Protein backbone atom coordinates (compact mmCIF):
# COMPACT_ATOMS: atom_id res chain seq x y z
CA MET A 1 0.00 0.00 0.00
CA GLN A 2 1.26 3.44 -0.83
CA GLN A 3 2.29 5.41 2.21
CA SER A 4 -0.02 8.30 3.05
CA ALA A 5 -0.01 11.24 5.43
CA LEU A 6 -2.61 13.64 6.81
CA ILE A 7 -2.06 17.37 6.52
CA VAL A 8 -4.23 19.56 8.75
CA VAL A 9 -4.04 23.10 7.40
CA ASP A 10 -4.16 26.19 9.64
CA VAL A 11 -6.92 25.30 12.12
CA GLN A 12 -6.00 28.30 14.24
CA ASN A 13 -8.08 30.60 16.41
CA ASP A 14 -7.74 33.58 14.09
CA PHE A 15 -9.29 31.62 11.21
CA CYS A 16 -12.27 30.44 13.28
CA PRO A 17 -15.40 32.50 14.02
CA ALA A 18 -14.59 35.56 16.19
CA GLY A 19 -10.94 35.40 15.06
CA ALA A 20 -9.10 38.23 13.34
CA LEU A 21 -9.73 36.60 9.95
CA GLY A 22 -12.64 34.40 10.98
CA ILE A 23 -14.09 31.96 8.45
CA ALA A 24 -17.81 31.23 8.68
CA GLU A 25 -18.24 27.78 10.24
CA GLY A 26 -14.47 27.38 10.33
CA ASP A 27 -14.64 25.72 13.73
CA GLN A 28 -16.98 23.04 12.34
CA VAL A 29 -14.03 21.30 10.70
CA VAL A 30 -12.57 20.48 14.12
CA PRO A 31 -14.68 17.43 15.10
CA VAL A 32 -14.43 16.05 11.57
CA LEU A 33 -10.66 16.50 11.49
CA ASN A 34 -10.40 14.86 14.91
CA ARG A 35 -11.91 11.71 13.38
CA TYR A 36 -9.36 11.77 10.56
CA ILE A 37 -6.55 12.40 13.07
CA GLN A 38 -7.67 9.41 15.11
CA LYS A 39 -7.90 7.24 11.98
CA PHE A 40 -4.44 8.17 10.75
CA SER A 41 -2.95 7.82 14.23
CA GLN A 42 -4.41 4.33 14.62
CA ALA A 43 -3.02 3.38 11.22
CA GLY A 44 0.44 4.64 12.21
CA ARG A 45 0.43 7.26 9.44
CA PRO A 46 2.26 10.59 9.79
CA ILE A 47 0.25 13.70 10.64
CA PHE A 48 1.42 17.23 9.82
CA MET A 49 -0.29 20.29 11.27
CA THR A 50 0.43 23.58 9.53
CA ARG A 51 0.12 27.02 11.03
CA ASP A 52 0.53 30.59 9.91
CA TRP A 53 3.29 31.93 12.14
CA HIS A 54 3.67 35.54 11.09
CA PRO A 55 5.93 38.22 12.53
CA GLU A 56 4.17 41.35 13.80
CA LYS A 57 5.28 43.32 10.73
CA THR A 58 4.91 41.65 7.35
CA SER A 59 4.03 42.60 3.79
CA HIS A 60 1.24 40.00 4.10
CA PHE A 61 -0.79 42.35 6.33
CA LYS A 62 -2.65 45.49 5.28
CA SER A 63 -0.37 47.47 7.59
CA GLY A 64 2.55 46.34 5.41
CA GLY A 65 0.84 46.83 2.07
CA GLY A 66 -0.73 43.36 1.82
CA PRO A 67 -4.34 42.22 1.47
CA TRP A 68 -5.09 40.83 4.95
CA PRO A 69 -5.73 42.15 8.45
CA SER A 70 -3.17 41.20 11.07
CA HIS A 71 -3.64 37.53 12.01
CA CYS A 72 -1.78 34.52 13.45
CA VAL A 73 1.06 36.61 14.84
CA ARG A 74 3.49 34.15 16.38
CA HIS A 75 2.98 33.39 20.08
CA SER A 76 -0.41 35.18 20.11
CA ARG A 77 -3.64 33.50 21.13
CA GLY A 78 -4.90 33.93 17.56
CA ALA A 79 -2.00 31.86 16.26
CA GLU A 80 -2.77 28.94 18.58
CA PHE A 81 -4.51 25.85 17.24
CA HIS A 82 -8.23 25.64 17.98
CA PRO A 83 -8.46 24.35 21.57
CA ASP A 84 -10.67 21.39 20.62
CA LEU A 85 -8.35 20.18 17.85
CA ASN A 86 -6.71 16.89 18.80
CA ARG A 87 -3.10 17.40 17.83
CA GLY A 88 -2.21 13.75 18.31
CA PRO A 89 0.88 12.55 20.17
CA LYS A 90 3.23 12.51 17.19
CA ALA A 91 1.96 15.28 14.92
CA THR A 92 4.67 17.41 13.30
CA ILE A 93 4.03 21.15 13.35
CA VAL A 94 4.89 22.95 10.11
CA SER A 95 5.18 26.75 10.34
CA LYS A 96 4.78 29.05 7.33
CA GLY A 97 4.71 32.77 6.64
CA THR A 98 7.55 33.20 9.11
CA GLU A 99 9.48 35.88 7.22
CA PRO A 100 8.46 39.56 6.84
CA ASP A 101 8.20 39.27 3.04
CA GLU A 102 6.40 35.90 2.82
CA ASP A 103 2.75 35.19 2.00
CA SER A 104 3.20 31.41 2.13
CA TYR A 105 -0.31 30.15 1.52
CA SER A 106 0.94 26.65 0.73
CA ALA A 107 2.11 24.23 3.41
CA PHE A 108 4.96 23.44 1.03
CA HIS A 109 6.42 26.85 1.88
CA GLY A 110 6.57 25.76 5.54
CA HIS A 111 9.11 23.89 7.64
CA ASP A 112 9.34 22.03 10.92
CA ALA A 113 11.10 23.28 14.07
CA ALA A 114 14.46 22.17 12.67
CA GLY A 115 13.91 24.11 9.44
CA THR A 116 13.23 21.07 7.23
CA PRO A 117 10.75 21.88 4.43
CA LEU A 118 7.49 19.90 4.24
CA ALA A 119 8.36 18.24 0.92
CA ALA A 120 11.58 16.89 2.42
CA LEU A 121 9.72 15.63 5.50
CA LEU A 122 7.24 13.81 3.28
CA ARG A 123 9.98 12.24 1.16
CA GLN A 124 11.91 11.17 4.27
CA ALA A 125 8.77 9.34 5.41
CA GLU A 126 8.33 7.84 1.91
CA ILE A 127 4.92 9.47 1.54
CA LYS A 128 3.21 9.06 -1.81
CA THR A 129 -0.20 10.62 -1.13
CA ILE A 130 -1.37 13.38 1.19
CA TYR A 131 -4.87 13.82 2.59
CA VAL A 132 -5.66 17.48 3.18
CA GLY A 133 -8.25 19.19 5.39
CA GLY A 134 -8.48 22.48 7.24
CA LEU A 135 -8.68 26.19 6.43
CA ALA A 136 -9.22 27.72 4.01
CA THR A 137 -10.50 25.90 0.93
CA ASP A 138 -9.84 28.77 -1.45
CA TYR A 139 -6.39 29.72 -0.16
CA CYS A 140 -4.10 27.57 1.96
CA VAL A 141 -5.85 24.26 1.28
CA LYS A 142 -5.93 24.92 -2.46
CA TYR A 143 -2.31 26.01 -2.74
CA THR A 144 -1.14 23.11 -0.57
CA VAL A 145 -2.93 20.62 -2.81
CA LEU A 146 -1.68 22.22 -6.03
CA ASP A 147 1.90 22.32 -4.75
CA ALA A 148 1.65 18.68 -3.66
CA LEU A 149 0.60 17.64 -7.15
CA HIS A 150 3.28 19.82 -8.72
CA SER A 151 5.87 18.17 -6.44
CA GLY A 152 4.86 14.66 -7.51
CA PHE A 153 2.63 13.65 -4.60
CA GLY A 154 -0.91 12.39 -4.89
CA ALA A 155 -3.49 14.57 -3.13
CA VAL A 156 -6.89 13.82 -1.62
CA VAL A 157 -9.09 16.73 -0.50
CA LEU A 158 -11.22 15.95 2.58
CA CYS A 159 -14.29 17.89 1.49
CA ASP A 160 -16.16 17.45 4.78
CA ALA A 161 -13.20 18.92 6.69
CA ILE A 162 -12.65 22.22 4.85
CA ARG A 163 -14.26 25.66 4.79
CA GLY A 164 -13.52 28.69 2.62
CA VAL A 165 -13.05 32.43 3.03
CA ASN A 166 -15.26 33.10 -0.03
CA LEU A 167 -14.54 36.74 -0.70
CA ALA A 168 -16.64 35.94 -3.76
CA ALA A 169 -19.49 33.50 -3.18
CA ASP A 170 -18.14 30.85 -5.54
CA ASP A 171 -14.45 30.99 -4.53
CA SER A 172 -14.51 27.61 -2.75
CA ALA A 173 -16.39 25.92 -5.59
CA ARG A 174 -13.89 27.27 -8.09
CA ALA A 175 -11.00 26.14 -5.88
CA LEU A 176 -12.40 22.60 -5.76
CA ASP A 177 -12.77 22.59 -9.54
CA GLU A 178 -9.18 23.80 -9.90
CA MET A 179 -7.84 21.12 -7.56
CA ARG A 180 -9.82 18.39 -9.34
CA ALA A 181 -8.65 19.58 -12.75
CA ALA A 182 -5.04 19.47 -11.53
CA GLY A 183 -5.42 15.82 -10.55
CA ALA A 184 -6.61 15.84 -6.93
CA THR A 185 -9.17 13.35 -5.66
CA LEU A 186 -12.13 14.91 -3.82
CA LEU A 187 -13.33 12.72 -0.95
CA GLY A 188 -16.88 13.60 0.03
CA SER A 189 -17.06 12.27 3.58
CA PHE A 190 -15.22 10.45 6.34
CA ASP A 191 -17.30 7.38 5.58
CA GLY A 192 -15.67 7.26 2.15
CA LEU A 193 -12.20 6.80 3.69
CA VAL A 194 -11.48 3.10 3.34
CA SER A 195 -7.92 3.10 4.68
CA PRO A 196 -5.35 5.88 4.87
């Protein structure tokens, strides 16, 4: 069986309702992702949890000329993972957007605590396919999936475990179409997951 890994994208307080860049129903991915985390943990599969980990001053924020309000500033409460998210005992944290001039939507722009990029971590673990859920469908989930495919990995989008920003009403739908067209598999529900 091809080796697989779960990537949980940016389930942080600032991206959940009442956060600095809150996504409608963003917190509703948490219980669904917890089921996937449990499933992958029981199967002995690697789990990677990404986070925006921005400096206070960055070109990513409106204050620095970027498009977004200040969010997920490192060591702030907003940058913490949602309190109900089960991080699992062996999950690897991947930080992105750590430099003042980085946008870093994709998890593939991130690295672990030792500075190892995500792609290298996946290859070290002999991963062939990643399963991706989290926030947000139309930004960090989409770019993570597209970069995975571009880097030679298979990608499965966990459609019941994602939510979008939707600056335009159809942004998430268009993102799903784009991911599918690029070669991603869209998995409709947890019940469709046979074995990770």
